[in-house]
Protein backbone atom coordinates (compact mmCIF):
# COMPACT_ATOMS: atom_id res chain seq x y z
CA MET A 1 72.43 136.35 110.85
CA ARG A 2 75.27 134.06 109.87
CA ALA A 3 75.00 130.33 109.44
CA LEU A 4 75.65 127.95 112.31
CA ILE A 5 77.54 124.71 111.90
CA LEU A 6 76.27 121.49 113.38
CA ILE A 7 78.45 118.43 112.91
CA LEU A 8 77.07 115.07 113.97
CA LEU A 9 79.50 112.17 114.39
CA LEU A 10 78.29 108.63 113.83
CA PHE A 11 78.25 107.92 117.57
CA PRO A 12 75.59 109.32 119.91
CA LEU A 13 75.95 112.92 120.98
CA ILE A 14 74.51 113.41 124.43
CA GLY A 15 73.52 116.89 125.45
CA PHE A 16 75.31 118.66 122.58
CA GLY A 17 74.00 121.34 120.25
CA GLN A 18 71.32 123.93 120.20
CA ASN A 19 67.76 123.24 121.36
CA VAL A 20 64.77 122.91 119.06
CA TYR A 21 62.24 125.74 119.42
CA ILE A 22 58.91 124.10 120.34
CA PRO A 23 56.34 126.73 121.42
CA ASP A 24 53.37 124.38 121.86
CA ALA A 25 53.52 122.99 125.41
CA ASN A 26 51.56 119.83 124.57
CA PHE A 27 53.77 118.99 121.61
CA LYS A 28 56.92 119.64 123.63
CA ASN A 29 55.65 117.52 126.51
CA TYR A 30 55.14 114.58 124.14
CA LEU A 31 58.62 114.91 122.65
CA VAL A 32 60.42 115.40 125.97
CA ASN A 33 58.70 112.33 127.44
CA ASN A 34 59.50 110.14 124.44
CA SER A 35 62.75 108.36 125.34
CA ASN A 36 63.29 107.33 121.73
CA ILE A 37 63.56 111.03 120.86
CA ASN A 38 64.84 112.65 124.05
CA ILE A 39 67.86 110.38 124.31
CA ASN A 40 69.64 112.28 127.09
CA GLY A 41 66.47 112.62 129.20
CA ASP A 42 66.77 116.37 129.79
CA SER A 43 63.96 118.95 129.53
CA GLU A 44 64.73 119.98 125.96
CA ILE A 45 65.03 118.42 122.52
CA GLN A 46 68.39 119.08 120.88
CA VAL A 47 68.69 119.57 117.12
CA SER A 48 70.98 116.53 117.05
CA GLU A 49 68.31 114.41 118.72
CA ALA A 50 65.62 115.59 116.30
CA SER A 51 67.64 115.17 113.11
CA SER A 52 68.80 111.67 114.04
CA PHE A 53 65.28 110.38 114.82
CA THR A 54 64.00 108.06 112.07
CA GLY A 55 60.82 106.69 113.63
CA THR A 56 57.21 107.77 114.13
CA ILE A 57 55.75 110.78 115.92
CA SER A 58 52.18 110.04 117.05
CA VAL A 59 50.42 112.96 118.73
CA LEU A 60 46.78 112.05 118.22
CA SER A 61 44.19 114.05 120.19
CA LEU A 62 46.67 116.00 122.34
CA ASN A 63 45.09 119.44 121.88
CA ILE A 64 48.09 120.66 119.88
CA SER A 65 47.76 123.94 117.98
CA ASP A 66 51.30 124.35 116.63
CA LEU A 67 53.81 121.79 115.35
CA THR A 68 56.69 124.26 115.11
CA GLY A 69 59.83 122.24 115.74
CA ILE A 70 58.77 119.39 113.44
CA GLU A 71 61.03 120.91 110.76
CA GLU A 72 64.11 119.75 112.68
CA PHE A 73 63.03 116.09 112.36
CA THR A 74 64.54 115.83 108.91
CA ASN A 75 64.63 112.02 108.93
CA LEU A 76 61.15 111.48 110.34
CA ASN A 77 59.41 108.45 108.84
CA SER A 78 55.77 108.86 109.90
CA LEU A 79 53.67 111.63 111.44
CA TYR A 80 50.24 111.02 113.01
CA CYS A 81 48.80 114.30 114.25
CA ALA A 82 45.06 113.84 113.68
CA TYR A 83 42.36 115.21 115.97
CA ASN A 84 44.19 118.36 117.08
CA ASN A 85 43.77 122.11 116.49
CA LEU A 86 46.34 122.67 113.76
CA THR A 87 45.68 125.41 111.20
CA THR A 88 48.92 125.21 109.18
CA LEU A 89 51.40 122.41 108.61
CA ASP A 90 54.67 122.82 106.67
CA LEU A 91 56.57 119.57 106.18
CA SER A 92 58.98 120.77 103.50
CA ASN A 93 62.00 119.94 105.68
CA ASN A 94 60.80 116.39 106.43
CA THR A 95 62.10 114.90 103.20
CA SER A 96 62.10 111.30 104.50
CA LEU A 97 58.40 111.34 105.42
CA ILE A 98 56.45 108.29 104.21
CA ASN A 99 53.15 108.40 106.14
CA LEU A 100 51.12 111.46 107.09
CA HIS A 101 47.79 111.42 108.94
CA CYS A 102 46.74 115.00 109.70
CA ASN A 103 42.99 114.55 109.36
CA ASN A 104 40.42 116.13 111.67
CA ASN A 105 42.21 119.42 112.31
CA ASN A 106 41.49 122.97 111.15
CA LEU A 107 44.14 123.09 108.45
CA THR A 108 43.92 125.84 105.87
CA SER A 109 47.47 125.24 104.60
CA LEU A 110 49.37 121.98 104.08
CA ASP A 111 52.80 121.89 102.39
CA VAL A 112 53.96 118.45 101.21
CA THR A 113 55.72 119.70 98.08
CA ASN A 114 59.16 118.54 99.27
CA ASN A 115 58.23 115.01 100.36
CA PRO A 116 59.12 112.74 97.42
CA LEU A 117 58.87 109.56 99.53
CA LEU A 118 55.36 110.30 100.83
CA ASN A 119 53.27 107.16 100.36
CA ASN A 120 50.09 107.68 102.41
CA LEU A 121 48.35 111.03 102.86
CA HIS A 122 45.22 111.36 105.01
CA CYS A 123 44.13 114.98 105.36
CA PHE A 124 40.34 114.67 105.37
CA TYR A 125 38.09 116.81 107.57
CA ASN A 126 40.05 120.06 107.36
CA ASN A 127 39.55 123.45 105.68
CA LEU A 128 41.97 123.06 102.79
CA ALA A 129 41.14 125.02 99.66
CA SER A 130 44.13 123.70 97.71
CA LEU A 131 46.44 120.72 97.81
CA ASP A 132 49.61 120.27 95.73
CA VAL A 133 50.80 116.67 95.44
CA SER A 134 52.60 117.06 92.10
CA ASN A 135 55.99 116.26 93.66
CA ASN A 136 54.76 113.25 95.65
CA VAL A 137 55.62 110.75 92.94
CA SER A 138 55.54 107.81 95.40
CA LEU A 139 52.02 108.57 96.64
CA SER A 140 49.88 105.42 96.67
CA SER A 141 46.95 106.46 98.86
CA ILE A 142 45.30 109.86 99.28
CA SER A 143 42.24 110.69 101.34
CA CYS A 144 41.40 114.39 101.21
CA GLY A 145 37.63 114.35 101.54
CA ASN A 146 35.55 116.86 103.49
CA ASN A 147 37.63 119.92 102.61
CA LEU A 148 37.14 122.96 100.38
CA ILE A 149 39.43 121.89 97.54
CA THR A 150 38.48 123.25 94.12
CA SER A 151 41.20 121.69 91.96
CA LEU A 152 43.08 118.41 92.35
CA ASP A 153 45.75 117.23 89.91
CA LEU A 154 46.89 113.62 90.43
CA SER A 155 48.45 113.17 86.99
CA ASN A 156 51.96 112.98 88.46
CA ASN A 157 51.08 110.20 90.94
CA PRO A 158 51.37 106.97 88.92
CA SER A 159 51.52 104.74 92.03
CA LEU A 160 48.03 105.62 93.26
CA TYR A 161 45.81 102.69 94.18
CA SER A 162 43.38 104.52 96.49
CA MET A 163 41.78 107.96 96.04
CA ASN A 164 39.02 109.59 98.08
CA CYS A 165 38.19 113.25 97.49
CA HIS A 166 34.46 113.29 98.22
CA TYR A 167 32.65 116.23 99.84
CA ASN A 168 34.80 119.01 98.38
CA GLN A 169 34.23 121.91 96.00
CA LEU A 170 36.07 120.34 93.08
CA GLU A 171 35.67 121.96 89.69
CA CYS A 172 38.39 119.91 88.05
CA LEU A 173 39.99 116.56 88.83
CA ASN A 174 42.79 115.02 86.78
CA ILE A 175 43.77 111.45 87.55
CA LYS A 176 45.28 110.73 84.14
CA ASN A 177 48.52 109.25 85.45
CA GLY A 178 49.10 106.30 83.10
CA ASN A 179 48.16 103.72 85.73
CA ASN A 180 44.43 104.08 86.36
CA THR A 181 44.04 100.31 86.36
CA ASN A 182 45.75 100.29 89.79
CA ILE A 183 42.53 101.68 91.30
CA ASN A 184 39.51 99.38 91.57
CA PHE A 185 35.90 100.42 92.12
CA ALA A 186 35.99 100.36 95.94
CA LEU A 187 39.01 102.65 96.18
CA PHE A 188 37.82 105.54 94.00
CA ASP A 189 35.42 108.07 95.50
CA ALA A 190 34.76 111.51 94.02
CA ASP A 191 31.09 112.00 94.80
CA ASN A 192 29.47 114.97 96.52
CA ASN A 193 31.36 117.50 94.41
CA PRO A 194 28.44 119.44 92.92
CA ASN A 195 30.62 121.60 90.64
CA LEU A 196 32.56 118.72 89.11
CA THR A 197 31.37 117.83 85.61
CA CYS A 198 34.45 116.16 84.10
CA ILE A 199 37.20 113.88 85.46
CA GLU A 200 40.28 113.44 83.26
CA VAL A 201 41.36 109.79 83.06
CA ASP A 202 43.53 107.34 81.08
CA ASP A 203 40.69 105.32 79.59
CA VAL A 204 37.03 106.34 79.62
CA ASN A 205 35.74 102.78 79.24
CA TYR A 206 37.78 101.48 82.15
CA SER A 207 36.61 104.32 84.40
CA ASN A 208 32.97 103.90 83.41
CA ASN A 209 33.15 100.18 84.15
CA ASN A 210 35.05 100.40 87.43
CA TRP A 211 34.54 103.75 89.15
CA PHE A 212 30.99 104.36 90.33
CA TYR A 213 31.31 106.86 93.16
CA ILE A 214 30.72 110.03 91.15
CA ASP A 215 27.84 112.50 90.96
CA PRO A 216 25.16 112.30 88.22
CA GLN A 217 26.48 115.42 86.46
CA THR A 218 30.04 114.05 86.34
CA SER A 219 31.56 112.11 83.44
CA PHE A 220 34.98 110.81 82.42
CA SER A 221 37.13 112.11 79.57
CA THR A 222 40.70 111.84 78.34
CA ASP A 223 40.72 115.64 77.95
CA CYS A 224 38.46 117.76 80.12
CA ASN A 225 40.01 120.98 78.77
CA ASN A 226 39.99 122.69 82.15
CA ASP A 227 42.50 123.99 84.66
CA CYS A 228 43.57 120.45 85.61
CA SER A 229 44.03 119.22 82.06
CA CYS A 230 47.62 118.21 81.59
CA ASP A 231 48.92 121.57 82.81
CA ASN A 232 51.50 120.98 85.51
CA SER A 233 53.38 124.24 85.22
CA SER A 234 54.69 125.82 88.41
CA MET A 235 57.31 128.27 89.60
CA ILE A 236 59.58 128.14 92.63
CA THR A 237 62.08 130.63 94.04
CA LYS A 238 65.17 129.33 95.87
CA TYR A 239 67.97 131.08 97.78
CA VAL A 240 70.81 128.69 98.55
CA CYS A 241 74.35 128.90 99.82
CA ASN A 242 76.10 126.59 97.37
CA ASP A 243 74.84 124.12 94.80
CA TYR A 244 71.12 123.51 94.28
CA THR A 245 69.65 120.18 93.18
CA ALA A 246 66.51 120.77 91.11
CA PRO A 247 63.49 118.41 91.26
CA ASP A 248 64.70 116.70 88.06
CA GLY A 249 68.10 115.95 89.60
CA GLN A 250 70.07 118.65 87.80
CA VAL A 251 72.63 120.45 89.97
CA TYR A 252 73.14 124.20 89.52
CA SER A 253 75.96 126.23 91.03
CA SER A 254 75.19 129.70 89.68
CA SER A 255 72.24 132.08 89.91
CA GLY A 256 69.73 132.14 87.09
CA THR A 257 66.36 130.95 85.82
CA TYR A 258 66.14 127.26 85.01
CA THR A 259 63.49 124.80 83.88
CA ALA A 260 62.95 121.33 85.33
CA ILE A 261 60.71 118.83 83.56
CA ILE A 262 59.37 115.85 85.52
CA PRO A 263 58.19 113.14 83.08
CA ASN A 264 54.76 111.60 83.59
CA ALA A 265 53.64 108.22 82.30
CA ALA A 266 50.46 109.73 80.85
CA GLY A 267 52.34 112.44 78.94
CA CYS A 268 51.35 115.22 81.36
CA ASP A 269 54.87 116.26 82.29
CA SER A 270 55.40 118.73 85.12
CA THR A 271 57.28 121.87 84.08
CA ILE A 272 58.88 123.78 86.94
CA THR A 273 60.46 127.19 86.47
CA ILE A 274 63.18 127.76 89.04
CA ASN A 275 64.29 131.27 90.02
CA LEU A 276 67.62 130.50 91.66
CA THR A 277 69.88 132.79 93.63
CA ILE A 278 73.22 131.45 94.87
CA ILE A 279 74.04 133.55 97.92
CA ALA A 280 77.64 132.36 98.00
CA THR A 281 79.75 129.41 97.00
CA VAL A 282 81.96 128.71 99.96
CA PRO A 283 85.00 126.52 99.25
CA GLN A 284 86.11 124.02 101.85
CA PRO A 285 88.85 125.89 103.73
CA THR A 286 92.44 124.72 103.38
CA VAL A 287 94.41 124.66 106.62
CA THR A 288 98.18 124.35 106.87
CA ILE A 289 100.48 123.82 109.85
CA ASN A 290 103.57 125.88 110.56
CA GLY A 291 105.18 124.76 113.77
CA THR A 292 102.35 124.77 116.27
CA THR A 293 100.19 127.27 114.38
CA LEU A 294 97.26 126.45 112.14
CA SER A 295 96.42 128.94 109.41
CA THR A 296 94.38 129.42 106.27
CA THR A 297 94.72 131.59 103.20
CA ASN A 298 90.97 131.46 102.49
CA THR A 299 89.36 134.88 102.55
CA ALA A 300 86.09 134.93 104.51
CA ASP A 301 83.75 137.24 106.40
CA ALA A 302 84.26 135.28 109.61
CA TYR A 303 86.39 132.44 110.99
CA GLN A 304 85.78 129.98 113.80
CA TRP A 305 88.21 127.30 114.96
CA LEU A 306 86.69 124.05 116.21
CA ASP A 307 87.82 121.32 118.58
CA CYS A 308 87.17 118.07 116.67
CA ASP A 309 87.78 115.98 119.80
CA ALA A 310 85.07 117.85 121.73
CA ASN A 311 82.21 117.24 119.27
CA PHE A 312 83.43 120.09 117.06
CA SER A 313 82.70 122.66 119.74
CA MET A 314 83.66 126.27 119.03
CA ILE A 315 86.91 127.40 120.67
CA ASN A 316 86.34 130.65 122.54
CA GLY A 317 88.27 133.56 121.08
CA ALA A 318 89.61 131.53 118.14
CA THR A 319 88.04 133.67 115.42
CA GLY A 320 90.97 134.67 113.25
CA ASN A 321 92.57 133.09 110.20
CA THR A 322 95.32 131.62 112.43
CA PHE A 323 95.18 129.57 115.61
CA THR A 324 97.83 128.16 117.93
CA PRO A 325 96.56 125.28 120.09
CA THR A 326 97.87 124.86 123.60
CA GLN A 327 97.39 121.10 123.75
CA SER A 328 97.47 118.06 121.49
CA GLY A 329 94.33 117.33 119.52
CA ASN A 330 92.41 117.50 116.26
CA TYR A 331 91.28 120.91 115.05
CA ALA A 332 89.23 122.25 112.14
CA LEU A 333 88.26 125.65 110.75
CA ALA A 334 84.79 126.91 109.82
CA ILE A 335 84.54 129.90 107.49
CA TYR A 336 81.53 132.03 106.60
CA ILE A 337 80.84 134.09 103.47
CA ASN A 338 77.54 135.94 103.03
CA GLU A 339 75.81 133.85 105.70
CA CYS A 340 77.04 130.57 104.17
CA GLY A 341 79.70 128.34 105.61
CA ASP A 342 81.88 125.27 105.23
CA THR A 343 84.32 123.38 107.44
CA SER A 344 87.84 122.11 106.82
CA ASP A 345 89.14 118.62 107.43
CA CYS A 346 90.42 117.93 110.93
CA LEU A 347 94.17 118.30 111.43
CA TYR A 348 96.07 116.69 114.29
CA ILE A 349 98.70 118.51 116.34
CA GLY A 350 100.54 116.42 118.90
CA PHE A 351 103.15 117.49 121.41
CA ALA A 352 105.34 114.53 122.32
CA ASN A 353 107.44 117.06 124.22
CA MET A 354 107.88 120.80 124.10
CA GLY A 355 108.59 121.49 120.44
CA GLU A 356 108.12 118.02 118.91
CA LEU A 357 105.19 118.10 116.48
CA HIS A 358 103.29 115.34 114.74
CA ASN A 359 101.00 116.16 111.86
CA THR A 360 98.71 113.46 110.48
CA PRO A 361 95.96 115.15 108.45
CA LYS A 362 93.14 113.12 106.97
CA GLN A 363 91.70 113.75 103.52
CA LEU A 364 88.07 113.77 102.41
CA ILE A 365 87.33 111.04 99.83
CA LYS A 366 83.67 111.72 99.09
CA ILE A 367 80.33 112.93 100.44
CA VAL A 368 77.22 110.72 100.40
CA ASP A 369 73.62 111.21 101.52
CA VAL A 370 71.87 109.11 104.18
CA LEU A 371 70.97 106.55 101.48
CA GLY A 372 74.62 106.10 100.54
CA ARG A 373 74.41 108.01 97.25
CA GLU A 374 77.37 110.25 96.38
CA THR A 375 76.25 113.87 96.38
CA PRO A 376 77.66 117.41 96.35
CA PHE A 377 77.55 119.52 99.49
CA LYS A 378 74.07 120.74 100.51
CA PRO A 379 73.15 123.06 103.41
CA ASN A 380 70.46 122.04 105.92
CA THR A 381 70.90 118.39 104.93
CA PRO A 382 72.50 115.53 106.90
CA LEU A 383 75.47 114.28 104.87
CA LEU A 384 78.14 111.64 105.48
CA TYR A 385 81.79 112.68 104.97
CA ILE A 386 84.08 109.71 104.27
CA TYR A 387 87.84 110.14 104.86
CA ASP A 388 90.91 108.24 103.68
CA ASP A 389 91.71 107.01 107.20
CA GLY A 390 88.44 105.03 107.32
CA THR A 391 86.57 107.47 109.55
CA VAL A 392 83.10 108.74 108.73
CA GLU A 393 81.53 111.93 110.01
CA ARG A 394 77.94 113.03 109.74
CA LYS A 395 77.71 116.78 109.20
CA MET A 396 74.88 119.21 108.67
CA ILE A 397 75.43 122.90 108.07
CA ILE A 398 72.36 124.76 109.29
CA LYS A 399 71.40 128.15 107.90
CA GLU A 400 68.96 129.95 110.19
């Protein structure tokens, strides 16, 4: 299935774009009836509406079993979904998430590995056997008690000031993050873990004098020599269309095996092995004008001409490497190679009279992310395209 292109301008798009797939009726009912999300007031949630939403979704106690559709809310700030019937929750697309309360569900799987801004995580009273927070470097509060977790490594969370992991099946707990003094006695709770004999910490004396909520068989050490002890090795496999930005900020544009090292204040660096496959590197197509005909010399598997003045809608039948408009306007070309795509700049064709042509193309100056940082092109990510005529477009190329 080839990639689809979704281009979001910086003014509201009403009723444009494909709909978000939301199978759970209760979840959909909440979203459709939330005027801050469902801007056009129809019976569906468009991808453009979801991706532009930056607020809070609060669906407490709504008998929801499936949060499919949440992945389209890529700029979501907070999610409160406690007291439902969820069994799995994947938030890897919600990279702007800061607060997550998913406690009191039936979760057996929770993915927060791609949420670097996550600050508060409450996932207590679930059925989680594992929890990976190694990439949540901003995490300040975690409450994961009353689960089935056997191993918890918090060595890569130097901002922690509150930690509650009581009533689990912990066999190892590493909280040696270089900033244990952030946590006082009332905000550390690791008791009722009958298999936990050693907790790895920065300073044994500080922990003994300040952290009291542990079981009688449990003690503190700077090296517990167990599965949690300063071993933050992991492996990820990625298939991307163009460049890939690794967790350490390195950008790769070719397939291969790479290593990313995330420094830790306590010396327990995270080592991530990345198996990377670049499906295709698609250049931005170059479009030229000859008379009233637009054309490209880029070779691609598929072409689609777009009407820039109609919210970049696809022009029916315009699927070749040339296109002759029948009316004045701004036009662009999308090309696809191996399921990956990119879009040209918009070019203007104006007919002052039959045969008189005006051509005023605009040139791309740079691409920045939603925080204003200059960045290379990334699929499935909202990006801002800044042009030399002062216009700014928000584009997101979606790969299904």
